[in-house]
Amino acid sequence: GGGGGGGGGRRARNNDRRDRGRGNDDKYIERVVTINRVSKVVKGGRRFTFTALVVVGDGEGTVGVGYGKAKEVPAAIAKAVEIAKKNFFHVPMIRRTIPHLVQGEDSAGVVLLRPASPGTGVIAGGPVRAVLDCAGVHDILSKSLGSSNAINIVHATVDALKQLEQPEAVAARRGLPLEDVAPQSMLRARAEGEADKRAQAEKQEAEKAAEGVGA
């Protein structure tokens, strides 16, 4: 009977809100999606191991997913975090949403992601939200079709995000001018977003300089 793997996912709900990893690397957001206990019958009884599915990101467009296995929960999470960091990839964004509609699949899991206007928020279930939060997507609509298995859903979300392209890449591939690929509103939103980001960075620099003077 290989059906015993899916039962422990509920246990991890409480871990969702715990941003682990403050001790090791402040700039990363970590979300524990599931923790499962796996038992193996050996001579003399059962041996238990724990598996952890973790999403790690910088909240600025970089995200990765890792799956760790160990005899203790903290060790399984730590392993998953290391693997997630090795799996980092970049998510193209325009003003904290995605550039276009995209669908990702993994096994029976299917996830649909749709761009949304500023202020919409992240409309997504737990596993999808974990990936989007860590990536730094703030406005998006999502729909989970097919499997409700958290592992499949997380991997389907990653598959969707990896298909995203900035308008320039699409234009180059299709041999079309940028205006034919991206609506003016999107290009304008991106320019505004970049201006906002620059203003924010300048403000932070000024605050840092003021702190230096104050010290």
N, C-alpha and C. Protein backbone atom coordinates (compact mmCIF):
# COMPACT_ATOMS: atom_id res chain seq x y z
N GLY A 1 0.84 -1.19 0.00
CA GLY A 1 0.00 0.00 0.00
C GLY A 1 0.87 1.24 0.00
N GLY A 2 0.90 2.00 -1.11
CA GLY A 2 1.72 3.21 -1.15
C GLY A 2 0.91 4.46 -0.92
N GLY A 3 -0.30 4.32 -0.30
CA GLY A 3 -1.18 5.48 -0.22
C GLY A 3 -1.04 6.29 1.05
N GLY A 4 -0.03 6.03 1.87
CA GLY A 4 0.02 6.69 3.18
C GLY A 4 0.71 8.03 3.19
N GLY A 5 1.15 8.54 2.03
CA GLY A 5 1.99 9.75 2.03
C GLY A 5 1.24 11.05 2.19
N GLY A 6 -0.09 11.05 1.90
CA GLY A 6 -0.75 12.36 1.78
C GLY A 6 -1.40 12.87 3.04
N GLY A 7 -1.40 12.09 4.13
CA GLY A 7 -2.23 12.46 5.27
C GLY A 7 -1.70 13.56 6.14
N GLY A 8 -0.39 13.77 6.16
CA GLY A 8 0.15 14.68 7.17
C GLY A 8 0.21 16.12 6.77
N GLY A 9 -0.32 16.46 5.56
CA GLY A 9 -0.16 17.83 5.07
C GLY A 9 -0.83 18.87 5.93
N ARG A 10 -1.93 18.46 6.62
CA ARG A 10 -2.67 19.44 7.42
C ARG A 10 -1.84 19.97 8.57
N ARG A 11 -0.96 19.09 9.07
CA ARG A 11 -0.14 19.48 10.21
C ARG A 11 0.68 20.73 9.94
N ALA A 12 0.97 20.95 8.66
CA ALA A 12 1.89 22.05 8.32
C ALA A 12 1.19 23.40 8.26
N ARG A 13 -0.16 23.40 8.35
CA ARG A 13 -0.88 24.67 8.23
C ARG A 13 -0.34 25.72 9.20
N ASN A 14 -0.08 25.27 10.44
CA ASN A 14 0.37 26.24 11.45
C ASN A 14 1.73 26.81 11.13
N ASN A 15 2.50 26.07 10.34
CA ASN A 15 3.85 26.54 10.03
C ASN A 15 3.85 27.61 8.95
N ASP A 16 2.71 27.70 8.23
CA ASP A 16 2.65 28.62 7.10
C ASP A 16 3.04 30.04 7.47
N ARG A 17 2.56 30.46 8.65
CA ARG A 17 2.76 31.86 8.99
C ARG A 17 4.09 32.10 9.68
N ARG A 18 4.79 31.00 9.96
CA ARG A 18 6.06 31.18 10.67
C ARG A 18 7.15 31.44 9.64
N ASP A 19 7.64 32.63 9.57
CA ASP A 19 8.73 32.91 8.63
C ASP A 19 10.01 32.38 9.24
N ARG A 20 10.36 31.18 8.81
CA ARG A 20 11.55 30.57 9.38
C ARG A 20 12.79 31.22 8.79
N GLY A 21 13.93 30.90 9.35
CA GLY A 21 15.18 31.29 8.72
C GLY A 21 15.66 32.66 9.11
N ARG A 22 15.09 33.27 10.15
CA ARG A 22 15.59 34.59 10.54
C ARG A 22 17.05 34.50 10.97
N GLY A 23 17.39 33.34 11.53
CA GLY A 23 18.76 33.20 12.03
C GLY A 23 19.78 33.09 10.93
N ASN A 24 19.38 32.49 9.77
CA ASN A 24 20.43 32.21 8.79
C ASN A 24 20.53 33.27 7.70
N ASP A 25 19.42 33.78 7.24
CA ASP A 25 19.53 34.71 6.11
C ASP A 25 18.32 35.60 6.03
N ASP A 26 18.48 36.82 6.54
CA ASP A 26 17.34 37.71 6.73
C ASP A 26 16.59 38.06 5.47
N LYS A 27 17.31 38.09 4.32
CA LYS A 27 16.66 38.66 3.15
C LYS A 27 15.71 37.68 2.47
N TYR A 28 15.66 36.43 2.92
CA TYR A 28 14.78 35.47 2.28
C TYR A 28 13.50 35.23 3.07
N ILE A 29 12.40 35.07 2.32
CA ILE A 29 11.12 34.69 2.92
C ILE A 29 11.02 33.18 2.76
N GLU A 30 10.63 32.48 3.80
CA GLU A 30 10.47 31.03 3.72
C GLU A 30 9.06 30.64 4.13
N ARG A 31 8.46 29.73 3.36
CA ARG A 31 7.13 29.23 3.69
C ARG A 31 7.17 27.70 3.69
N VAL A 32 6.77 27.11 4.81
CA VAL A 32 6.65 25.65 4.87
C VAL A 32 5.25 25.30 4.36
N VAL A 33 5.18 24.56 3.26
CA VAL A 33 3.88 24.24 2.67
C VAL A 33 3.30 22.96 3.28
N THR A 34 4.11 21.90 3.34
CA THR A 34 3.63 20.66 3.97
C THR A 34 4.75 20.01 4.76
N ILE A 35 4.36 19.31 5.82
CA ILE A 35 5.27 18.41 6.52
C ILE A 35 4.54 17.08 6.63
N ASN A 36 5.17 16.01 6.16
CA ASN A 36 4.55 14.69 6.24
C ASN A 36 5.44 13.74 7.02
N ARG A 37 4.82 12.83 7.76
CA ARG A 37 5.58 11.79 8.45
C ARG A 37 5.48 10.52 7.61
N VAL A 38 6.61 9.94 7.31
CA VAL A 38 6.65 8.74 6.48
C VAL A 38 7.17 7.60 7.35
N SER A 39 6.43 6.48 7.40
CA SER A 39 6.91 5.37 8.22
C SER A 39 7.39 4.23 7.34
N LYS A 40 8.46 3.59 7.80
CA LYS A 40 9.03 2.47 7.06
C LYS A 40 9.14 1.31 8.04
N VAL A 41 8.62 0.16 7.66
CA VAL A 41 8.70 -1.00 8.55
C VAL A 41 10.06 -1.65 8.37
N VAL A 42 10.80 -1.72 9.49
CA VAL A 42 12.13 -2.35 9.46
C VAL A 42 12.14 -3.45 10.52
N LYS A 43 13.22 -4.24 10.52
CA LYS A 43 13.33 -5.28 11.54
C LYS A 43 13.32 -4.63 12.91
N GLY A 44 12.43 -5.08 13.79
CA GLY A 44 12.40 -4.47 15.12
C GLY A 44 11.42 -3.31 15.23
N GLY A 45 10.57 -3.10 14.22
CA GLY A 45 9.55 -2.05 14.36
C GLY A 45 9.47 -1.12 13.17
N ARG A 46 9.06 0.13 13.45
CA ARG A 46 8.90 1.11 12.38
C ARG A 46 9.94 2.20 12.53
N ARG A 47 10.37 2.72 11.40
CA ARG A 47 11.27 3.87 11.44
C ARG A 47 10.54 5.04 10.79
N PHE A 48 10.54 6.17 11.47
CA PHE A 48 9.84 7.35 10.95
C PHE A 48 10.82 8.36 10.38
N THR A 49 10.47 8.92 9.23
CA THR A 49 11.21 10.08 8.72
C THR A 49 10.18 11.16 8.39
N PHE A 50 10.67 12.37 8.25
CA PHE A 50 9.78 13.49 7.93
C PHE A 50 10.19 14.10 6.60
N THR A 51 9.19 14.50 5.82
CA THR A 51 9.48 15.22 4.57
C THR A 51 8.87 16.61 4.69
N ALA A 52 9.56 17.59 4.13
CA ALA A 52 9.07 18.97 4.18
C ALA A 52 9.14 19.58 2.79
N LEU A 53 8.08 20.26 2.40
CA LEU A 53 8.06 21.01 1.14
C LEU A 53 8.10 22.49 1.51
N VAL A 54 9.14 23.18 1.05
CA VAL A 54 9.38 24.57 1.45
C VAL A 54 9.57 25.45 0.22
N VAL A 55 9.02 26.66 0.28
CA VAL A 55 9.25 27.66 -0.77
C VAL A 55 10.11 28.76 -0.17
N VAL A 56 11.13 29.19 -0.92
CA VAL A 56 12.02 30.27 -0.46
C VAL A 56 12.09 31.32 -1.57
N GLY A 57 12.08 32.60 -1.19
CA GLY A 57 12.22 33.66 -2.19
C GLY A 57 12.72 34.94 -1.55
N ASP A 58 13.06 35.91 -2.39
CA ASP A 58 13.54 37.19 -1.84
C ASP A 58 12.46 38.27 -1.89
N GLY A 59 11.25 37.90 -2.36
CA GLY A 59 10.17 38.88 -2.45
C GLY A 59 10.39 39.91 -3.54
N GLU A 60 11.42 39.68 -4.37
CA GLU A 60 11.77 40.65 -5.42
C GLU A 60 11.88 39.97 -6.79
N GLY A 61 11.21 38.82 -6.95
CA GLY A 61 11.24 38.16 -8.25
C GLY A 61 12.08 36.90 -8.31
N THR A 62 12.71 36.52 -7.20
CA THR A 62 13.48 35.28 -7.17
C THR A 62 12.79 34.29 -6.24
N VAL A 63 12.61 33.05 -6.72
CA VAL A 63 11.91 32.05 -5.89
C VAL A 63 12.40 30.65 -6.24
N GLY A 64 12.28 29.73 -5.30
CA GLY A 64 12.66 28.34 -5.53
C GLY A 64 11.89 27.43 -4.59
N VAL A 65 11.76 26.16 -4.96
CA VAL A 65 11.04 25.18 -4.15
C VAL A 65 11.96 24.02 -3.82
N GLY A 66 11.88 23.52 -2.58
CA GLY A 66 12.72 22.40 -2.19
C GLY A 66 11.94 21.37 -1.39
N TYR A 67 12.37 20.12 -1.50
CA TYR A 67 11.72 19.01 -0.80
C TYR A 67 12.80 18.31 0.01
N GLY A 68 12.68 18.32 1.33
CA GLY A 68 13.72 17.75 2.18
C GLY A 68 13.21 16.58 2.99
N LYS A 69 14.13 15.65 3.33
CA LYS A 69 13.75 14.45 4.07
C LYS A 69 14.77 14.24 5.18
N ALA A 70 14.32 14.00 6.41
CA ALA A 70 15.25 13.77 7.53
C ALA A 70 14.51 13.09 8.67
N LYS A 71 15.28 12.70 9.71
CA LYS A 71 14.67 12.01 10.86
C LYS A 71 13.90 12.97 11.76
N GLU A 72 14.27 14.25 11.71
CA GLU A 72 13.59 15.26 12.54
C GLU A 72 13.02 16.35 11.65
N VAL A 73 11.94 16.98 12.10
CA VAL A 73 11.28 18.03 11.29
C VAL A 73 12.22 19.21 10.98
N PRO A 74 12.92 19.79 11.98
CA PRO A 74 13.78 20.94 11.67
C PRO A 74 14.85 20.62 10.62
N ALA A 75 15.39 19.39 10.69
CA ALA A 75 16.42 19.00 9.72
C ALA A 75 15.82 18.85 8.33
N ALA A 76 14.59 18.31 8.25
CA ALA A 76 13.92 18.17 6.95
C ALA A 76 13.66 19.54 6.34
N ILE A 77 13.24 20.50 7.18
CA ILE A 77 12.99 21.87 6.69
C ILE A 77 14.29 22.51 6.23
N ALA A 78 15.35 22.35 7.03
CA ALA A 78 16.65 22.95 6.68
C ALA A 78 17.15 22.41 5.33
N LYS A 79 17.00 21.09 5.12
CA LYS A 79 17.42 20.48 3.85
C LYS A 79 16.60 21.05 2.69
N ALA A 80 15.28 21.16 2.92
CA ALA A 80 14.39 21.67 1.88
C ALA A 80 14.76 23.11 1.50
N VAL A 81 15.13 23.91 2.51
CA VAL A 81 15.52 25.31 2.27
C VAL A 81 16.76 25.36 1.39
N GLU A 82 17.75 24.52 1.70
CA GLU A 82 18.99 24.50 0.90
C GLU A 82 18.70 24.12 -0.54
N ILE A 83 17.84 23.10 -0.72
CA ILE A 83 17.50 22.65 -2.08
C ILE A 83 16.73 23.75 -2.81
N ALA A 84 15.81 24.42 -2.10
CA ALA A 84 15.02 25.50 -2.72
C ALA A 84 15.95 26.60 -3.24
N LYS A 85 16.99 26.93 -2.46
CA LYS A 85 17.92 28.00 -2.88
C LYS A 85 18.70 27.58 -4.13
N LYS A 86 18.98 26.27 -4.24
CA LYS A 86 19.68 25.78 -5.45
C LYS A 86 18.75 25.83 -6.66
N ASN A 87 17.44 25.81 -6.40
CA ASN A 87 16.45 25.82 -7.49
C ASN A 87 15.93 27.21 -7.82
N PHE A 88 16.58 28.25 -7.32
CA PHE A 88 16.12 29.63 -7.56
C PHE A 88 15.98 29.92 -9.06
N PHE A 89 14.92 30.63 -9.41
CA PHE A 89 14.77 31.14 -10.78
C PHE A 89 14.10 32.50 -10.70
N HIS A 90 14.15 33.24 -11.81
CA HIS A 90 13.64 34.61 -11.80
C HIS A 90 12.24 34.66 -12.41
N VAL A 91 11.36 35.43 -11.79
CA VAL A 91 9.98 35.59 -12.27
C VAL A 91 9.82 36.99 -12.88
N PRO A 92 9.58 37.09 -14.20
CA PRO A 92 9.37 38.41 -14.81
C PRO A 92 8.08 39.03 -14.27
N MET A 93 8.16 40.29 -13.88
CA MET A 93 6.97 40.97 -13.35
C MET A 93 6.84 42.37 -13.93
N ILE A 94 5.61 42.86 -13.96
CA ILE A 94 5.35 44.25 -14.33
C ILE A 94 4.49 44.84 -13.21
N ARG A 95 5.07 45.77 -12.48
CA ARG A 95 4.35 46.40 -11.36
C ARG A 95 3.72 45.39 -10.42
N ARG A 96 4.47 44.42 -10.03
CA ARG A 96 4.06 43.43 -9.02
C ARG A 96 2.96 42.49 -9.48
N THR A 97 2.68 42.46 -10.79
CA THR A 97 1.83 41.40 -11.32
C THR A 97 2.62 40.68 -12.41
N ILE A 98 2.00 39.69 -13.07
CA ILE A 98 2.72 38.95 -14.11
C ILE A 98 2.41 39.57 -15.47
N PRO A 99 3.31 39.40 -16.46
CA PRO A 99 3.12 40.06 -17.76
C PRO A 99 1.96 39.52 -18.58
N HIS A 100 1.60 38.25 -18.40
CA HIS A 100 0.53 37.67 -19.23
C HIS A 100 -0.07 36.44 -18.55
N LEU A 101 -1.19 35.99 -19.10
CA LEU A 101 -1.89 34.79 -18.61
C LEU A 101 -1.00 33.57 -18.85
N VAL A 102 -1.01 32.62 -17.90
CA VAL A 102 -0.16 31.44 -18.07
C VAL A 102 -0.77 30.26 -17.31
N GLN A 103 -0.51 29.05 -17.83
CA GLN A 103 -1.01 27.85 -17.16
C GLN A 103 0.14 26.87 -16.96
N GLY A 104 0.26 26.34 -15.74
CA GLY A 104 1.33 25.38 -15.45
C GLY A 104 0.75 24.04 -15.04
N GLU A 105 1.52 22.97 -15.29
CA GLU A 105 1.04 21.63 -14.94
C GLU A 105 2.14 20.82 -14.28
N ASP A 106 1.72 19.95 -13.35
CA ASP A 106 2.64 18.98 -12.78
C ASP A 106 1.81 17.79 -12.34
N SER A 107 2.11 16.60 -12.88
CA SER A 107 1.28 15.40 -12.64
C SER A 107 -0.18 15.79 -12.88
N ALA A 108 -1.03 15.63 -11.87
CA ALA A 108 -2.46 15.95 -12.09
C ALA A 108 -2.78 17.38 -11.67
N GLY A 109 -1.79 18.12 -11.21
CA GLY A 109 -2.02 19.50 -10.76
C GLY A 109 -1.96 20.47 -11.92
N VAL A 110 -2.96 21.34 -12.02
CA VAL A 110 -2.98 22.38 -13.06
C VAL A 110 -3.28 23.72 -12.38
N VAL A 111 -2.45 24.72 -12.66
CA VAL A 111 -2.64 26.04 -12.05
C VAL A 111 -2.68 27.10 -13.14
N LEU A 112 -3.72 27.94 -13.09
CA LEU A 112 -3.89 29.04 -14.04
C LEU A 112 -3.58 30.34 -13.30
N LEU A 113 -2.71 31.17 -13.87
CA LEU A 113 -2.36 32.46 -13.27
C LEU A 113 -2.73 33.58 -14.24
N ARG A 114 -3.38 34.62 -13.72
CA ARG A 114 -3.85 35.71 -14.57
C ARG A 114 -3.39 37.05 -13.98
N PRO A 115 -2.86 37.97 -14.82
CA PRO A 115 -2.45 39.28 -14.29
C PRO A 115 -3.63 40.02 -13.67
N ALA A 116 -3.34 40.87 -12.68
CA ALA A 116 -4.41 41.64 -12.03
C ALA A 116 -3.94 43.07 -11.79
N SER A 117 -4.91 43.98 -11.66
CA SER A 117 -4.56 45.40 -11.49
C SER A 117 -4.11 45.68 -10.05
N PRO A 118 -3.32 46.76 -9.85
CA PRO A 118 -2.83 47.09 -8.51
C PRO A 118 -3.97 47.19 -7.50
N GLY A 119 -3.76 46.62 -6.32
CA GLY A 119 -4.78 46.65 -5.28
C GLY A 119 -5.64 45.40 -5.22
N THR A 120 -5.50 44.52 -6.23
CA THR A 120 -6.30 43.28 -6.26
C THR A 120 -5.88 42.35 -5.13
N GLY A 121 -4.58 42.28 -4.89
CA GLY A 121 -4.06 41.32 -3.91
C GLY A 121 -3.80 39.97 -4.55
N VAL A 122 -3.37 39.01 -3.74
CA VAL A 122 -3.08 37.66 -4.24
C VAL A 122 -4.32 36.80 -4.00
N ILE A 123 -5.04 36.51 -5.08
CA ILE A 123 -6.24 35.68 -4.97
C ILE A 123 -5.80 34.25 -5.29
N ALA A 124 -5.47 33.49 -4.24
CA ALA A 124 -4.90 32.16 -4.44
C ALA A 124 -5.05 31.32 -3.18
N GLY A 125 -5.09 30.01 -3.36
CA GLY A 125 -5.11 29.08 -2.23
C GLY A 125 -3.72 28.96 -1.62
N GLY A 126 -3.65 28.30 -0.46
CA GLY A 126 -2.41 28.23 0.33
C GLY A 126 -1.13 27.89 -0.42
N PRO A 127 -1.06 26.73 -1.12
CA PRO A 127 0.19 26.35 -1.78
C PRO A 127 0.61 27.34 -2.88
N VAL A 128 -0.38 27.81 -3.68
CA VAL A 128 -0.07 28.77 -4.75
C VAL A 128 0.38 30.10 -4.12
N ARG A 129 -0.33 30.53 -3.09
CA ARG A 129 0.00 31.78 -2.40
C ARG A 129 1.41 31.75 -1.84
N ALA A 130 1.82 30.61 -1.29
CA ALA A 130 3.17 30.49 -0.72
C ALA A 130 4.23 30.84 -1.77
N VAL A 131 4.06 30.29 -2.98
CA VAL A 131 5.03 30.54 -4.06
C VAL A 131 4.98 32.01 -4.49
N LEU A 132 3.77 32.55 -4.65
CA LEU A 132 3.62 33.94 -5.12
C LEU A 132 4.14 34.94 -4.09
N ASP A 133 3.86 34.68 -2.79
CA ASP A 133 4.36 35.56 -1.72
C ASP A 133 5.88 35.61 -1.74
N CYS A 134 6.50 34.44 -1.82
CA CYS A 134 7.97 34.38 -1.79
C CYS A 134 8.58 35.04 -3.03
N ALA A 135 7.86 34.94 -4.16
CA ALA A 135 8.36 35.56 -5.40
C ALA A 135 8.18 37.08 -5.38
N GLY A 136 7.23 37.57 -4.56
CA GLY A 136 7.00 39.01 -4.51
C GLY A 136 5.92 39.50 -5.45
N VAL A 137 5.05 38.57 -5.90
CA VAL A 137 3.90 38.97 -6.73
C VAL A 137 2.81 39.47 -5.78
N HIS A 138 2.33 40.70 -5.99
CA HIS A 138 1.36 41.29 -5.06
C HIS A 138 -0.07 41.29 -5.58
N ASP A 139 -0.24 41.28 -6.91
CA ASP A 139 -1.58 41.35 -7.50
C ASP A 139 -1.71 40.27 -8.57
N ILE A 140 -2.59 39.29 -8.32
CA ILE A 140 -2.71 38.18 -9.28
C ILE A 140 -3.98 37.39 -8.98
N LEU A 141 -4.55 36.82 -10.04
CA LEU A 141 -5.70 35.93 -9.88
C LEU A 141 -5.23 34.52 -10.24
N SER A 142 -5.62 33.53 -9.44
CA SER A 142 -5.19 32.17 -9.77
C SER A 142 -6.34 31.20 -9.61
N LYS A 143 -6.22 30.09 -10.33
CA LYS A 143 -7.24 29.05 -10.23
C LYS A 143 -6.51 27.72 -10.25
N SER A 144 -6.88 26.86 -9.28
CA SER A 144 -6.29 25.53 -9.21
C SER A 144 -7.27 24.55 -9.81
N LEU A 145 -6.84 23.84 -10.86
CA LEU A 145 -7.71 22.86 -11.52
C LEU A 145 -7.06 21.50 -11.31
N GLY A 146 -7.83 20.47 -11.23
CA GLY A 146 -7.22 19.14 -11.10
C GLY A 146 -6.87 18.81 -9.66
N SER A 147 -5.72 18.19 -9.47
CA SER A 147 -5.32 17.62 -8.18
C SER A 147 -5.31 18.65 -7.06
N SER A 148 -5.68 18.19 -5.84
CA SER A 148 -5.60 19.09 -4.68
C SER A 148 -4.34 18.81 -3.86
N ASN A 149 -3.48 17.95 -4.38
CA ASN A 149 -2.23 17.62 -3.68
C ASN A 149 -1.31 18.83 -3.68
N ALA A 150 -0.92 19.27 -2.47
CA ALA A 150 -0.14 20.51 -2.34
C ALA A 150 1.17 20.46 -3.12
N ILE A 151 1.81 19.29 -3.15
CA ILE A 151 3.11 19.17 -3.85
C ILE A 151 2.91 19.40 -5.34
N ASN A 152 1.87 18.76 -5.92
CA ASN A 152 1.57 18.96 -7.35
C ASN A 152 1.24 20.41 -7.65
N ILE A 153 0.46 21.03 -6.74
CA ILE A 153 0.03 22.42 -6.97
C ILE A 153 1.22 23.37 -6.95
N VAL A 154 2.12 23.17 -5.98
CA VAL A 154 3.32 24.02 -5.89
C VAL A 154 4.17 23.88 -7.15
N HIS A 155 4.37 22.63 -7.60
CA HIS A 155 5.20 22.42 -8.79
C HIS A 155 4.51 22.95 -10.06
N ALA A 156 3.18 22.86 -10.10
CA ALA A 156 2.44 23.42 -11.25
C ALA A 156 2.56 24.94 -11.27
N THR A 157 2.56 25.56 -10.08
CA THR A 157 2.72 27.02 -9.98
C THR A 157 4.10 27.43 -10.49
N VAL A 158 5.12 26.67 -10.09
CA VAL A 158 6.50 26.93 -10.54
C VAL A 158 6.57 26.78 -12.06
N ASP A 159 5.94 25.73 -12.59
CA ASP A 159 5.93 25.49 -14.03
C ASP A 159 5.31 26.68 -14.77
N ALA A 160 4.22 27.22 -14.20
CA ALA A 160 3.56 28.39 -14.81
C ALA A 160 4.48 29.60 -14.79
N LEU A 161 5.08 29.88 -13.64
CA LEU A 161 5.95 31.07 -13.51
C LEU A 161 7.16 30.99 -14.43
N LYS A 162 7.65 29.77 -14.66
CA LYS A 162 8.84 29.61 -15.53
C LYS A 162 8.50 29.87 -17.00
N GLN A 163 7.21 29.86 -17.33
CA GLN A 163 6.82 30.14 -18.72
C GLN A 163 6.64 31.63 -19.00
N LEU A 164 6.67 32.44 -17.96
CA LEU A 164 6.45 33.88 -18.15
C LEU A 164 7.60 34.52 -18.91
N GLU A 165 7.25 35.48 -19.75
CA GLU A 165 8.28 36.21 -20.51
C GLU A 165 7.95 37.70 -20.49
N GLN A 166 9.00 38.51 -20.49
CA GLN A 166 8.79 39.95 -20.67
C GLN A 166 8.42 40.20 -22.13
N PRO A 167 7.68 41.29 -22.41
CA PRO A 167 7.24 41.56 -23.78
C PRO A 167 8.38 41.57 -24.81
N GLU A 168 9.56 42.07 -24.41
CA GLU A 168 10.71 42.12 -25.35
C GLU A 168 11.07 40.73 -25.87
N ALA A 169 11.04 39.74 -24.95
CA ALA A 169 11.42 38.38 -25.33
C ALA A 169 10.41 37.80 -26.33
N VAL A 170 9.13 38.08 -26.09
CA VAL A 170 8.08 37.59 -26.99
C VAL A 170 8.23 38.26 -28.36
N ALA A 171 8.47 39.58 -28.35
CA ALA A 171 8.62 40.34 -29.61
C ALA A 171 9.80 39.80 -30.41
N ALA A 172 10.92 39.55 -29.72
CA ALA A 172 12.13 39.07 -30.40
C ALA A 172 11.87 37.69 -31.01
N ARG A 173 11.19 36.83 -30.25
CA ARG A 173 10.95 35.47 -30.73
C ARG A 173 10.01 35.46 -31.94
N ARG A 174 9.03 36.36 -31.91
CA ARG A 174 8.05 36.38 -33.01
C ARG A 174 8.47 37.30 -34.14
N GLY A 175 9.56 38.03 -33.94
CA GLY A 175 10.02 38.96 -34.96
C GLY A 175 9.06 40.12 -35.17
N LEU A 176 8.44 40.59 -34.08
CA LEU A 176 7.47 41.68 -34.17
C LEU A 176 7.95 42.88 -33.37
N PRO A 177 7.47 44.10 -33.73
CA PRO A 177 7.81 45.25 -32.89
C PRO A 177 7.14 45.12 -31.52
N LEU A 178 7.75 45.72 -30.52
CA LEU A 178 7.28 45.62 -29.14
C LEU A 178 5.81 46.04 -29.00
N GLU A 179 5.42 47.10 -29.73
CA GLU A 179 4.05 47.64 -29.61
C GLU A 179 3.00 46.60 -30.04
N ASP A 180 3.40 45.68 -30.94
CA ASP A 180 2.44 44.66 -31.41
C ASP A 180 2.22 43.57 -30.37
N VAL A 181 3.18 43.44 -29.47
CA VAL A 181 3.12 42.35 -28.48
C VAL A 181 2.51 42.83 -27.18
N ALA A 182 2.90 44.04 -26.75
CA ALA A 182 2.46 44.54 -25.45
C ALA A 182 1.57 45.76 -25.62
N PRO A 183 0.43 45.79 -24.93
CA PRO A 183 -0.40 46.99 -25.00
C PRO A 183 0.32 48.18 -24.36
N GLN A 184 0.00 49.37 -24.84
CA GLN A 184 0.63 50.60 -24.32
C GLN A 184 0.48 50.69 -22.80
N SER A 185 -0.71 50.29 -22.30
CA SER A 185 -0.98 50.41 -20.86
C SER A 185 0.03 49.58 -20.06
N MET A 186 0.40 48.40 -20.61
CA MET A 186 1.36 47.55 -19.91
C MET A 186 2.74 48.19 -19.88
N LEU A 187 3.16 48.73 -21.02
CA LEU A 187 4.49 49.36 -21.09
C LEU A 187 4.54 50.59 -20.18
N ARG A 188 3.41 51.32 -20.14
CA ARG A 188 3.34 52.51 -19.29
C ARG A 188 3.41 52.10 -17.82
N ALA A 189 2.66 51.04 -17.47
CA ALA A 189 2.65 50.55 -16.08
C ALA A 189 4.05 50.13 -15.66
N ARG A 190 4.77 49.49 -16.61
CA ARG A 190 6.12 49.03 -16.26
C ARG A 190 7.05 50.22 -16.04
N ALA A 191 6.94 51.22 -16.90
CA ALA A 191 7.79 52.42 -16.74
C ALA A 191 7.50 53.10 -15.41
N GLU A 192 6.21 53.18 -15.06
CA GLU A 192 5.83 53.79 -13.77
C GLU A 192 6.38 52.96 -12.61
N GLY A 193 6.29 51.64 -12.75
CA GLY A 193 6.79 50.75 -11.70
C GLY A 193 8.28 50.93 -11.49
N GLU A 194 9.02 51.06 -12.61
CA GLU A 194 10.48 51.25 -12.50
C GLU A 194 10.80 52.60 -11.87
N ALA A 195 10.02 53.62 -12.21
CA ALA A 195 10.23 54.95 -11.61
C ALA A 195 9.96 54.90 -10.10
N ASP A 196 8.89 54.18 -9.72
CA ASP A 196 8.57 54.02 -8.29
C ASP A 196 9.72 53.34 -7.56
N LYS A 197 10.25 52.29 -8.20
CA LYS A 197 11.33 51.52 -7.57
C LYS A 197 12.56 52.40 -7.36
N ARG A 198 12.87 53.22 -8.39
CA ARG A 198 14.04 54.13 -8.28
C ARG A 198 13.83 55.12 -7.15
N ALA A 199 12.61 55.69 -7.08
CA ALA A 199 12.30 56.68 -6.04
C ALA A 199 12.43 56.05 -4.65
N GLN A 200 11.95 54.81 -4.54
CA GLN A 200 12.03 54.08 -3.26
C GLN A 200 13.50 53.87 -2.86
N ALA A 201 14.31 53.45 -3.84
CA ALA A 201 15.74 53.19 -3.57
C ALA A 201 16.43 54.48 -3.13
N GLU A 202 16.11 55.59 -3.82
CA GLU A 202 16.72 56.88 -3.47
C GLU A 202 16.31 57.31 -2.06
N LYS A 203 15.04 57.06 -1.72
CA LYS A 203 14.53 57.41 -0.39
C LYS A 203 15.29 56.61 0.68
N GLN A 204 15.47 55.31 0.41
CA GLN A 204 16.19 54.46 1.37
C GLN A 204 17.63 54.93 1.55
N GLU A 205 18.26 55.30 0.43
CA GLU A 205 19.65 55.79 0.50
C GLU A 205 19.71 57.06 1.36
N ALA A 206 18.74 57.96 1.14
CA ALA A 206 18.71 59.22 1.89
C ALA A 206 18.52 58.95 3.38
N GLU A 207 17.62 57.99 3.69
CA GLU A 207 17.38 57.64 5.10
C GLU A 207 18.64 57.06 5.73
N LYS A 208 19.32 56.21 4.95
CA LYS A 208 20.55 55.58 5.45
C LYS A 208 21.60 56.65 5.74
N ALA A 209 21.72 57.60 4.81
CA ALA A 209 22.70 58.68 4.97
C ALA A 209 22.35 59.51 6.21
N ALA A 210 21.05 59.78 6.40
CA ALA A 210 20.61 60.57 7.56
C ALA A 210 20.92 59.83 8.86
N GLU A 211 20.73 58.50 8.84
CA GLU A 211 21.05 57.69 10.03
C GLU A 211 22.52 57.79 10.35
N GLY A 212 23.34 57.74 9.28
CA GLY A 212 24.80 57.83 9.46
C GLY A 212 25.19 59.14 10.11
N VAL A 213 24.52 60.21 9.70
CA VAL A 213 24.82 61.54 10.27
C VAL A 213 24.38 61.58 11.73
N GLY A 214 23.17 60.99 11.97
CA GLY A 214 22.61 61.00 13.33
C GLY A 214 23.47 60.23 14.32
N ALA A 215 24.14 59.17 13.82
CA ALA A 215 24.98 58.37 14.71
C ALA A 215 26.20 59.17 15.06
